[in-house]
Structure formats: C-alpha cells, structure tokens
N, C-alpha and C. Protein backbone atom coordinates (compact mmCIF):
# COMPACT_ATOMS: atom_id res chain seq x y z
N MET A 1 18.38 26.01 12.42
CA MET A 1 18.43 25.11 12.74
C MET A 1 20.05 24.94 12.86
N SER A 2 20.05 24.44 14.31
CA SER A 2 21.27 23.35 14.70
C SER A 2 21.95 22.64 13.78
N GLY A 3 23.24 21.83 13.84
CA GLY A 3 23.45 20.94 12.98
C GLY A 3 23.09 19.51 13.90
N GLU A 4 23.36 19.40 14.71
CA GLU A 4 22.96 18.27 16.10
C GLU A 4 20.95 18.26 15.24
N ALA A 5 20.38 19.06 15.62
CA ALA A 5 18.84 18.90 15.42
C ALA A 5 19.35 18.80 14.12
N TYR A 6 19.25 19.02 12.99
CA TYR A 6 19.47 18.22 11.98
C TYR A 6 19.26 16.89 11.48
N LEU A 7 20.69 17.01 11.92
CA LEU A 7 20.84 15.33 12.58
C LEU A 7 20.02 13.70 12.49
N TRP A 8 19.23 15.14 14.06
CA TRP A 8 18.08 13.97 14.28
C TRP A 8 17.14 13.99 13.21
N VAL A 9 17.12 14.77 12.82
CA VAL A 9 16.18 15.14 11.80
C VAL A 9 16.35 14.02 10.61
N LYS A 10 17.72 13.84 9.90
CA LYS A 10 18.36 12.47 8.94
C LYS A 10 17.51 12.02 9.87
N ALA A 11 18.17 11.60 10.64
CA ALA A 11 18.59 9.50 11.77
C ALA A 11 16.46 9.74 11.43
N VAL A 12 15.51 10.60 11.79
CA VAL A 12 14.33 10.20 12.01
C VAL A 12 13.71 9.44 10.28
N HIS A 13 14.39 10.63 9.71
CA HIS A 13 14.00 10.35 8.10
C HIS A 13 14.30 8.80 7.60
N VAL A 14 15.74 8.56 7.81
CA VAL A 14 16.44 7.70 7.33
C VAL A 14 15.32 6.33 8.35
N ILE A 15 15.12 6.52 9.18
CA ILE A 15 14.22 5.24 10.46
C ILE A 15 13.22 4.99 9.05
N ALA A 16 12.27 6.51 9.04
CA ALA A 16 11.06 5.70 7.91
C ALA A 16 11.26 5.37 7.34
N VAL A 17 12.66 5.52 6.12
CA VAL A 17 12.22 5.19 4.83
C VAL A 17 12.82 4.16 5.14
N ILE A 18 13.56 2.90 6.25
CA ILE A 18 13.59 1.77 5.92
C ILE A 18 12.68 1.65 6.35
N SER A 19 11.53 1.23 6.97
CA SER A 19 9.91 1.16 7.73
C SER A 19 9.29 1.16 6.14
N TRP A 20 9.60 2.10 5.10
CA TRP A 20 8.92 2.28 4.46
C TRP A 20 8.74 1.50 3.68
N MET A 21 10.49 1.03 3.02
CA MET A 21 11.22 0.08 2.25
C MET A 21 10.68 -1.02 2.67
N ALA A 22 11.38 -1.79 4.00
CA ALA A 22 10.28 -3.41 4.28
C ALA A 22 9.72 -3.23 4.53
N GLY A 23 7.70 -2.36 3.79
CA GLY A 23 6.75 -2.72 3.85
C GLY A 23 6.17 -2.98 1.81
N LEU A 24 7.18 -1.99 1.62
CA LEU A 24 7.05 -2.24 -0.31
C LEU A 24 8.22 -3.38 -0.60
N LEU A 25 8.95 -3.53 -0.16
CA LEU A 25 9.27 -5.35 -0.23
C LEU A 25 8.71 -6.34 0.40
N TYR A 26 7.99 -6.02 2.03
CA TYR A 26 7.20 -7.20 2.02
C TYR A 26 5.61 -7.65 1.37
N LEU A 27 4.95 -6.47 1.16
CA LEU A 27 3.65 -6.38 0.76
C LEU A 27 3.55 -6.70 -0.68
N PRO A 28 4.00 -7.05 -1.37
CA PRO A 28 4.19 -7.55 -2.88
C PRO A 28 3.79 -9.18 -2.37
N ARG A 29 4.77 -9.73 -1.51
CA ARG A 29 5.47 -11.00 -1.44
C ARG A 29 3.91 -11.47 -0.44
N LEU A 30 3.62 -10.59 0.19
CA LEU A 30 2.12 -11.49 0.70
C LEU A 30 1.14 -11.54 -0.04
N PHE A 31 1.40 -10.68 -1.18
CA PHE A 31 0.11 -10.93 -2.20
C PHE A 31 0.84 -12.12 -2.92
N ILE A 32 1.67 -12.10 -3.44
CA ILE A 32 2.18 -13.98 -3.99
C ILE A 32 1.37 -15.33 -3.42
N TYR A 33 1.40 -14.25 -1.54
CA TYR A 33 1.40 -16.17 -1.29
C TYR A 33 -0.08 -15.89 -0.90
N HIS A 34 -0.85 -14.94 -0.71
CA HIS A 34 -2.27 -14.24 -1.52
C HIS A 34 -3.20 -15.01 -2.98
N CYS A 35 -2.10 -15.30 -3.43
CA CYS A 35 -2.81 -16.03 -5.02
C CYS A 35 -3.29 -17.31 -4.67
N GLU A 36 -2.49 -17.96 -3.92
CA GLU A 36 -2.06 -19.50 -3.58
C GLU A 36 -3.89 -20.40 -2.58
N VAL A 37 -4.17 -19.24 -2.58
CA VAL A 37 -5.45 -19.76 -1.34
C VAL A 37 -6.11 -19.19 -1.77
N GLU A 38 -7.97 -20.15 -1.56
CA GLU A 38 -8.67 -19.47 -2.06
C GLU A 38 -9.39 -18.55 -1.83
N ALA A 39 -9.66 -17.52 -2.38
CA ALA A 39 -10.90 -16.25 -1.97
C ALA A 39 -12.21 -17.20 -0.73
N GLY A 40 -12.07 -15.68 0.35
CA GLY A 40 -13.07 -16.56 0.79
C GLY A 40 -12.86 -17.15 1.93
N SER A 41 -11.24 -18.28 1.83
CA SER A 41 -10.91 -19.38 2.97
C SER A 41 -10.04 -18.83 4.32
N GLU A 42 -9.71 -19.41 4.60
CA GLU A 42 -9.19 -18.48 6.04
C GLU A 42 -7.97 -18.05 5.90
N ALA A 43 -7.29 -18.66 5.68
CA ALA A 43 -6.18 -18.28 5.02
C ALA A 43 -6.28 -16.65 4.63
N SER A 44 -7.02 -16.34 3.67
CA SER A 44 -7.04 -15.54 2.19
C SER A 44 -7.33 -14.46 3.26
N GLU A 45 -8.59 -14.77 4.42
CA GLU A 45 -9.09 -13.26 5.48
C GLU A 45 -7.80 -13.07 6.75
N LYS A 46 -6.82 -13.86 6.44
CA LYS A 46 -5.96 -13.78 7.26
C LYS A 46 -4.58 -13.18 6.98
N PHE A 47 -4.76 -13.57 5.11
CA PHE A 47 -3.96 -12.05 5.07
C PHE A 47 -4.41 -11.07 4.32
N LYS A 48 -5.94 -10.90 4.30
CA LYS A 48 -6.07 -9.65 4.25
C LYS A 48 -6.25 -8.55 5.74
N VAL A 49 -5.75 -9.41 7.01
CA VAL A 49 -5.64 -8.59 7.92
C VAL A 49 -3.87 -8.03 8.08
N MET A 50 -3.41 -8.71 7.67
CA MET A 50 -2.34 -8.95 7.63
C MET A 50 -1.97 -7.66 6.19
N GLU A 51 -2.00 -7.30 5.18
CA GLU A 51 -1.81 -6.48 4.35
C GLU A 51 -2.97 -5.47 4.16
N ARG A 52 -3.87 -5.45 5.12
CA ARG A 52 -4.36 -4.02 5.90
C ARG A 52 -3.82 -3.15 6.89
N ARG A 53 -2.89 -3.74 8.11
CA ARG A 53 -2.64 -3.60 9.32
C ARG A 53 -0.87 -3.11 8.40
N LEU A 54 0.18 -4.29 7.44
CA LEU A 54 1.36 -3.84 6.91
C LEU A 54 0.75 -1.74 6.13
N LEU A 55 -0.24 -2.18 5.11
CA LEU A 55 -0.26 -0.66 5.22
C LEU A 55 -0.46 0.46 6.20
N LYS A 56 -1.42 -0.23 6.36
CA LYS A 56 -2.28 0.98 7.58
C LYS A 56 -1.00 1.29 8.78
N ALA A 57 -0.49 0.76 10.01
CA ALA A 57 0.24 1.02 10.87
C ALA A 57 1.69 1.00 10.67
N ILE A 58 2.40 0.98 9.16
CA ILE A 58 3.59 0.67 9.29
C ILE A 58 4.08 1.66 7.31
N MET A 59 3.35 1.46 6.78
CA MET A 59 3.64 1.47 5.40
C MET A 59 2.94 3.51 5.36
N ALA A 60 1.67 3.98 5.57
CA ALA A 60 1.20 5.20 5.63
C ALA A 60 2.39 5.81 6.62
N PRO A 61 1.68 5.43 7.88
CA PRO A 61 3.20 6.53 8.66
C PRO A 61 4.44 6.91 8.09
N ALA A 62 5.15 5.36 8.20
CA ALA A 62 6.78 5.61 7.70
C ALA A 62 6.42 6.40 6.20
N ALA A 63 5.93 6.29 5.23
CA ALA A 63 5.72 6.68 4.24
C ALA A 63 5.80 8.21 4.08
N ILE A 64 4.98 9.38 5.16
CA ILE A 64 3.62 9.58 5.39
C ILE A 64 5.18 10.96 6.21
N VAL A 65 6.09 10.52 7.20
CA VAL A 65 7.17 10.85 7.28
C VAL A 65 8.38 11.16 6.83
N THR A 66 8.59 9.64 5.87
CA THR A 66 9.86 10.08 4.73
C THR A 66 9.89 11.40 3.73
N TRP A 67 8.18 11.75 3.94
CA TRP A 67 8.12 13.02 2.83
C TRP A 67 7.94 14.40 3.61
N ALA A 68 7.17 14.03 4.46
CA ALA A 68 8.13 15.82 5.44
C ALA A 68 9.08 15.66 5.74
N LEU A 69 9.85 14.36 6.29
CA LEU A 69 11.12 15.42 6.63
C LEU A 69 12.08 15.18 5.25
N GLY A 70 11.36 15.09 4.78
CA GLY A 70 12.19 14.96 3.11
C GLY A 70 12.03 16.40 2.61
N LEU A 71 11.43 16.46 2.72
CA LEU A 71 10.83 17.35 1.82
C LEU A 71 11.84 19.05 2.98
N TRP A 72 11.39 19.14 4.28
CA TRP A 72 12.09 19.89 5.09
C TRP A 72 13.44 19.49 4.71
N MET A 73 14.07 19.04 4.52
CA MET A 73 15.32 18.84 4.94
C MET A 73 15.87 19.08 3.29
N ALA A 74 14.49 18.99 2.25
CA ALA A 74 15.32 19.78 0.43
C ALA A 74 14.76 20.76 0.10
N ILE A 75 13.95 21.32 1.58
CA ILE A 75 14.10 22.53 1.48
C ILE A 75 15.19 23.43 1.77
N SER A 76 15.42 23.30 3.30
CA SER A 76 16.02 23.55 4.36
C SER A 76 17.59 24.22 3.97
N GLY A 77 18.08 22.65 3.44
CA GLY A 77 19.18 22.49 2.34
C GLY A 77 18.72 23.23 0.95
N GLY A 78 18.06 24.07 0.14
CA GLY A 78 18.55 24.42 -0.79
C GLY A 78 18.70 23.13 -2.09
N LEU A 79 18.26 21.90 -1.89
CA LEU A 79 18.56 21.35 -2.63
C LEU A 79 17.74 21.16 -3.92
N PHE A 80 16.77 21.61 -4.13
CA PHE A 80 16.47 22.08 -5.33
C PHE A 80 16.56 22.22 -6.88
N GLN A 81 18.21 22.40 -5.68
CA GLN A 81 18.76 23.50 -6.99
C GLN A 81 20.27 22.03 -8.08
N ASP A 82 20.07 21.35 -7.16
CA ASP A 82 21.10 20.40 -7.65
C ASP A 82 20.45 18.43 -8.75
N GLY A 83 21.25 18.80 -9.48
CA GLY A 83 21.00 17.70 -10.55
C GLY A 83 20.65 16.67 -10.14
N TRP A 84 20.43 16.14 -9.03
CA TRP A 84 21.34 14.46 -8.31
C TRP A 84 19.58 14.26 -7.71
N PHE A 85 19.54 15.29 -6.62
CA PHE A 85 18.23 15.24 -6.24
C PHE A 85 16.60 15.40 -7.10
N HIS A 86 17.03 16.25 -8.62
CA HIS A 86 16.21 16.17 -9.00
C HIS A 86 16.02 14.67 -9.33
N ALA A 87 16.51 14.29 -9.95
CA ALA A 87 16.32 12.67 -10.17
C ALA A 87 16.27 11.63 -9.08
N LYS A 88 16.48 12.38 -7.78
CA LYS A 88 16.90 11.58 -7.17
C LYS A 88 15.08 11.77 -6.50
N PHE A 89 14.39 13.17 -6.86
CA PHE A 89 13.03 13.85 -6.57
C PHE A 89 12.05 12.21 -7.14
N THR A 90 12.46 12.09 -8.59
CA THR A 90 12.28 11.93 -9.28
C THR A 90 11.08 10.14 -8.93
N LEU A 91 12.77 9.79 -8.64
CA LEU A 91 12.23 8.63 -8.13
C LEU A 91 11.93 7.67 -6.73
N VAL A 92 11.85 9.15 -5.79
CA VAL A 92 10.60 8.64 -4.43
C VAL A 92 9.18 9.17 -4.99
N ILE A 93 8.95 9.80 -6.32
CA ILE A 93 8.16 10.19 -6.76
C ILE A 93 7.55 8.45 -7.15
N LEU A 94 8.23 7.73 -7.90
CA LEU A 94 7.93 6.46 -8.19
C LEU A 94 7.44 5.78 -7.78
N MET A 95 8.17 5.87 -6.27
CA MET A 95 8.60 4.89 -5.13
C MET A 95 6.46 4.26 -4.55
N SER A 96 6.21 6.70 -4.53
CA SER A 96 5.23 6.30 -4.17
C SER A 96 3.87 6.05 -4.64
N VAL A 97 4.35 5.86 -6.13
CA VAL A 97 3.03 5.21 -7.41
C VAL A 97 3.13 3.58 -6.41
N CYS A 98 3.77 3.23 -6.51
CA CYS A 98 4.31 1.92 -6.02
C CYS A 98 3.61 1.27 -5.34
N HIS A 99 3.45 2.54 -3.47
CA HIS A 99 2.76 2.25 -2.82
C HIS A 99 1.09 2.84 -2.83
N LEU A 100 0.58 3.74 -3.87
CA LEU A 100 -0.68 3.65 -4.46
C LEU A 100 -1.03 2.01 -5.30
N LEU A 101 -0.25 1.24 -5.97
CA LEU A 101 -0.98 0.92 -6.71
C LEU A 101 -0.80 -0.10 -5.72
N MET A 102 -0.13 -0.56 -4.73
CA MET A 102 0.19 -1.11 -3.47
C MET A 102 -1.10 -1.48 -2.91
N ILE A 103 -1.90 -0.05 -2.64
CA ILE A 103 -3.08 0.05 -2.02
C ILE A 103 -3.95 -0.69 -2.74
N GLN A 104 -4.15 0.08 -3.97
CA GLN A 104 -5.74 -0.78 -4.88
C GLN A 104 -5.32 -1.94 -5.03
N TRP A 105 -4.58 -2.69 -5.12
CA TRP A 105 -3.73 -3.95 -5.53
C TRP A 105 -4.49 -4.67 -3.40
N LYS A 106 -4.33 -4.05 -2.53
CA LYS A 106 -4.77 -4.84 -1.55
C LYS A 106 -6.98 -4.61 -0.91
N ASN A 107 -6.56 -3.64 -2.06
CA ASN A 107 -8.06 -3.40 -1.93
C ASN A 107 -8.64 -4.63 -2.96
N ASP A 108 -8.12 -4.62 -3.85
CA ASP A 108 -8.85 -5.94 -4.60
C ASP A 108 -8.20 -7.15 -4.30
N PHE A 109 -8.34 -7.58 -3.20
CA PHE A 109 -7.86 -9.02 -2.66
C PHE A 109 -9.20 -8.67 -1.39
N ALA A 110 -8.91 -7.59 -0.84
CA ALA A 110 -10.09 -7.45 0.37
C ALA A 110 -11.31 -7.58 -0.78
N ALA A 111 -12.15 -7.30 -1.70
CA ALA A 111 -12.91 -7.60 -2.35
C ALA A 111 -13.11 -8.72 -3.23
N ASP A 112 -11.85 -9.59 -3.08
CA ASP A 112 -12.63 -10.41 -3.18
C ASP A 112 -11.66 -10.54 -5.26
N ALA A 113 -10.94 -9.81 -5.06
CA ALA A 113 -11.73 -9.84 -7.00
C ALA A 113 -9.98 -9.63 -7.55
N ASN A 114 -9.20 -10.25 -6.84
CA ASN A 114 -7.58 -10.44 -7.52
C ASN A 114 -8.06 -11.13 -8.94
N LYS A 115 -7.52 -10.27 -9.60
CA LYS A 115 -7.00 -10.78 -11.67
C LYS A 115 -5.43 -11.37 -11.82
N ARG A 116 -4.28 -11.02 -10.43
CA ARG A 116 -3.36 -11.45 -11.34
C ARG A 116 -2.63 -11.31 -10.31
N SER A 117 -1.41 -12.44 -11.04
CA SER A 117 -0.94 -13.66 -10.61
C SER A 117 0.47 -13.40 -10.43
N GLN A 118 0.44 -14.61 -9.28
CA GLN A 118 1.62 -14.17 -8.79
C GLN A 118 3.06 -14.24 -9.79
N LYS A 119 3.10 -14.27 -10.61
CA LYS A 119 4.23 -13.60 -11.56
C LYS A 119 4.36 -12.07 -12.17
N PHE A 120 2.98 -11.96 -11.78
CA PHE A 120 2.90 -10.17 -11.70
C PHE A 120 3.51 -9.54 -10.44
N TYR A 121 2.48 -9.99 -9.03
CA TYR A 121 3.75 -10.06 -8.22
C TYR A 121 4.86 -10.18 -8.32
N ARG A 122 5.40 -10.93 -8.33
CA ARG A 122 6.82 -11.49 -8.12
C ARG A 122 7.88 -9.82 -9.02
N VAL A 123 7.32 -10.18 -10.27
CA VAL A 123 7.82 -8.63 -10.84
C VAL A 123 7.75 -7.20 -10.05
N ALA A 124 6.39 -7.33 -9.54
CA ALA A 124 6.14 -5.57 -9.26
C ALA A 124 7.04 -5.63 -8.33
N ASN A 125 7.78 -7.06 -7.49
CA ASN A 125 8.38 -6.66 -5.63
C ASN A 125 9.59 -6.22 -6.30
N GLU A 126 9.82 -6.68 -7.49
CA GLU A 126 10.92 -6.09 -7.81
C GLU A 126 11.58 -4.65 -7.63
N VAL A 127 10.26 -3.94 -8.39
CA VAL A 127 10.04 -2.81 -8.55
C VAL A 127 10.67 -1.90 -7.68
N PRO A 128 10.22 -1.23 -6.11
CA PRO A 128 10.62 -0.70 -5.19
C PRO A 128 12.10 -1.62 -5.42
N THR A 129 12.81 -2.88 -5.23
CA THR A 129 14.22 -2.80 -4.94
C THR A 129 14.91 -1.80 -5.87
N LEU A 130 14.85 -1.69 -7.31
CA LEU A 130 15.51 -0.68 -7.84
C LEU A 130 15.28 0.15 -7.68
N LEU A 131 14.13 0.97 -7.64
CA LEU A 131 14.03 1.99 -7.41
C LEU A 131 15.06 2.96 -5.71
N MET A 132 14.82 2.07 -5.35
CA MET A 132 15.82 1.88 -3.63
C MET A 132 16.85 2.53 -4.15
N ILE A 133 17.97 1.52 -4.91
CA ILE A 133 19.11 0.83 -5.61
C ILE A 133 19.96 2.41 -5.58
N GLY A 134 18.60 2.85 -7.13
CA GLY A 134 18.43 4.33 -7.38
C GLY A 134 18.80 5.14 -6.76
N ILE A 135 18.06 5.43 -6.03
CA ILE A 135 17.65 6.60 -5.13
C ILE A 135 19.57 6.61 -3.90
N VAL A 136 19.69 5.44 -3.09
CA VAL A 136 20.44 5.63 -2.63
C VAL A 136 21.97 5.71 -3.65
N LEU A 137 22.15 5.49 -4.52
CA LEU A 137 23.42 5.73 -4.76
C LEU A 137 23.39 7.12 -5.10
N LEU A 138 22.70 7.63 -6.37
CA LEU A 138 21.85 9.37 -6.47
C LEU A 138 22.52 9.92 -5.03
N VAL A 139 21.97 9.67 -3.92
CA VAL A 139 22.07 10.25 -2.48
C VAL A 139 23.65 10.05 -2.09
N VAL A 140 24.72 9.12 -1.73
CA VAL A 140 25.54 8.96 -0.96
C VAL A 140 26.77 9.40 -2.37
N VAL A 141 26.39 9.14 -4.10
CA VAL A 141 27.18 9.61 -4.96
C VAL A 141 27.09 11.20 -5.32
N LYS A 142 26.12 11.69 -5.88
CA LYS A 142 25.28 12.71 -6.43
C LYS A 142 25.89 12.70 -7.31
N PRO A 143 26.65 12.20 -8.56
CA PRO A 143 27.17 11.65 -9.53
C PRO A 143 26.25 13.04 -10.69
N PHE A 144 25.30 14.60 -10.18
CA PHE A 144 25.36 15.06 -10.94
C PHE A 144 24.96 16.48 -10.29
C-alpha cells in the first residue's frame, strides 16, 4: 500500500477513535442523568432512546472501524513486535471492556432494572478518559 493510502487509513482510524471516545465519554453522563428520573417516566423513556441510539448508531460502528483499521495498520506495520504497542493494545482491550459494560448498563436501564448510583456512573465516566490518556501517550511518545 502506498504511503498516501496508509495516511488515509490512519485518518479514518483517528476519526473512528474520536467518535468512539465521544460515545464512551457521553453515555455514562446519560446514565447519571437517567438515575435522576423515575423508571417508566417520559424522561426515562427518552433517555432509553438516546442511550440505544448512541450505542447502535455511533459507538458500535466507530468501535468496529477503530478495531478493523487499527489491526490492519498494526499487522501491516509490524507493530506487534514493539513493547509500547503491547501496552497500548492492552489499554484498547480495556476500552472495549468498558464499551461492553456500558452495553450491559444500557440494558439494565432499558429493563428498568438499574441498581447502580449516580456516583458509580460518575466514577465509571472517568475510566475511558484515563485509558485514552494512556493510549495517546503510548502512541505519541512510544516510551519503550
């Protein structure tokens, strides 16, 4: 693949990462606000729609593109041999675990079965941020 084509793939990968991160940062905020309303209320039903659409229309496609292009670049670039990449890859897996947990939490709200507090979601909201910081530092600095 030419250098220019690689740059296009990399650009789309970065766009997908930004989109995925936007969802990972926003969805827990929706959960925080969803905790404030009564189950079954009009507001609760609106939050359910917002949460479902955010996951299905933005987060899931962005995560798939992020993973597909990221793996393609890693394989074609021989990055699996680099120590920094192993650390980054681990953090991306943890980011994906966060995504999967958010799907479960969305399902709990959808079934009016949420048992978690606002405080829980406030803490959960910080985890993707910390993972993102680690990923960006590893990709840019490549410390090892």
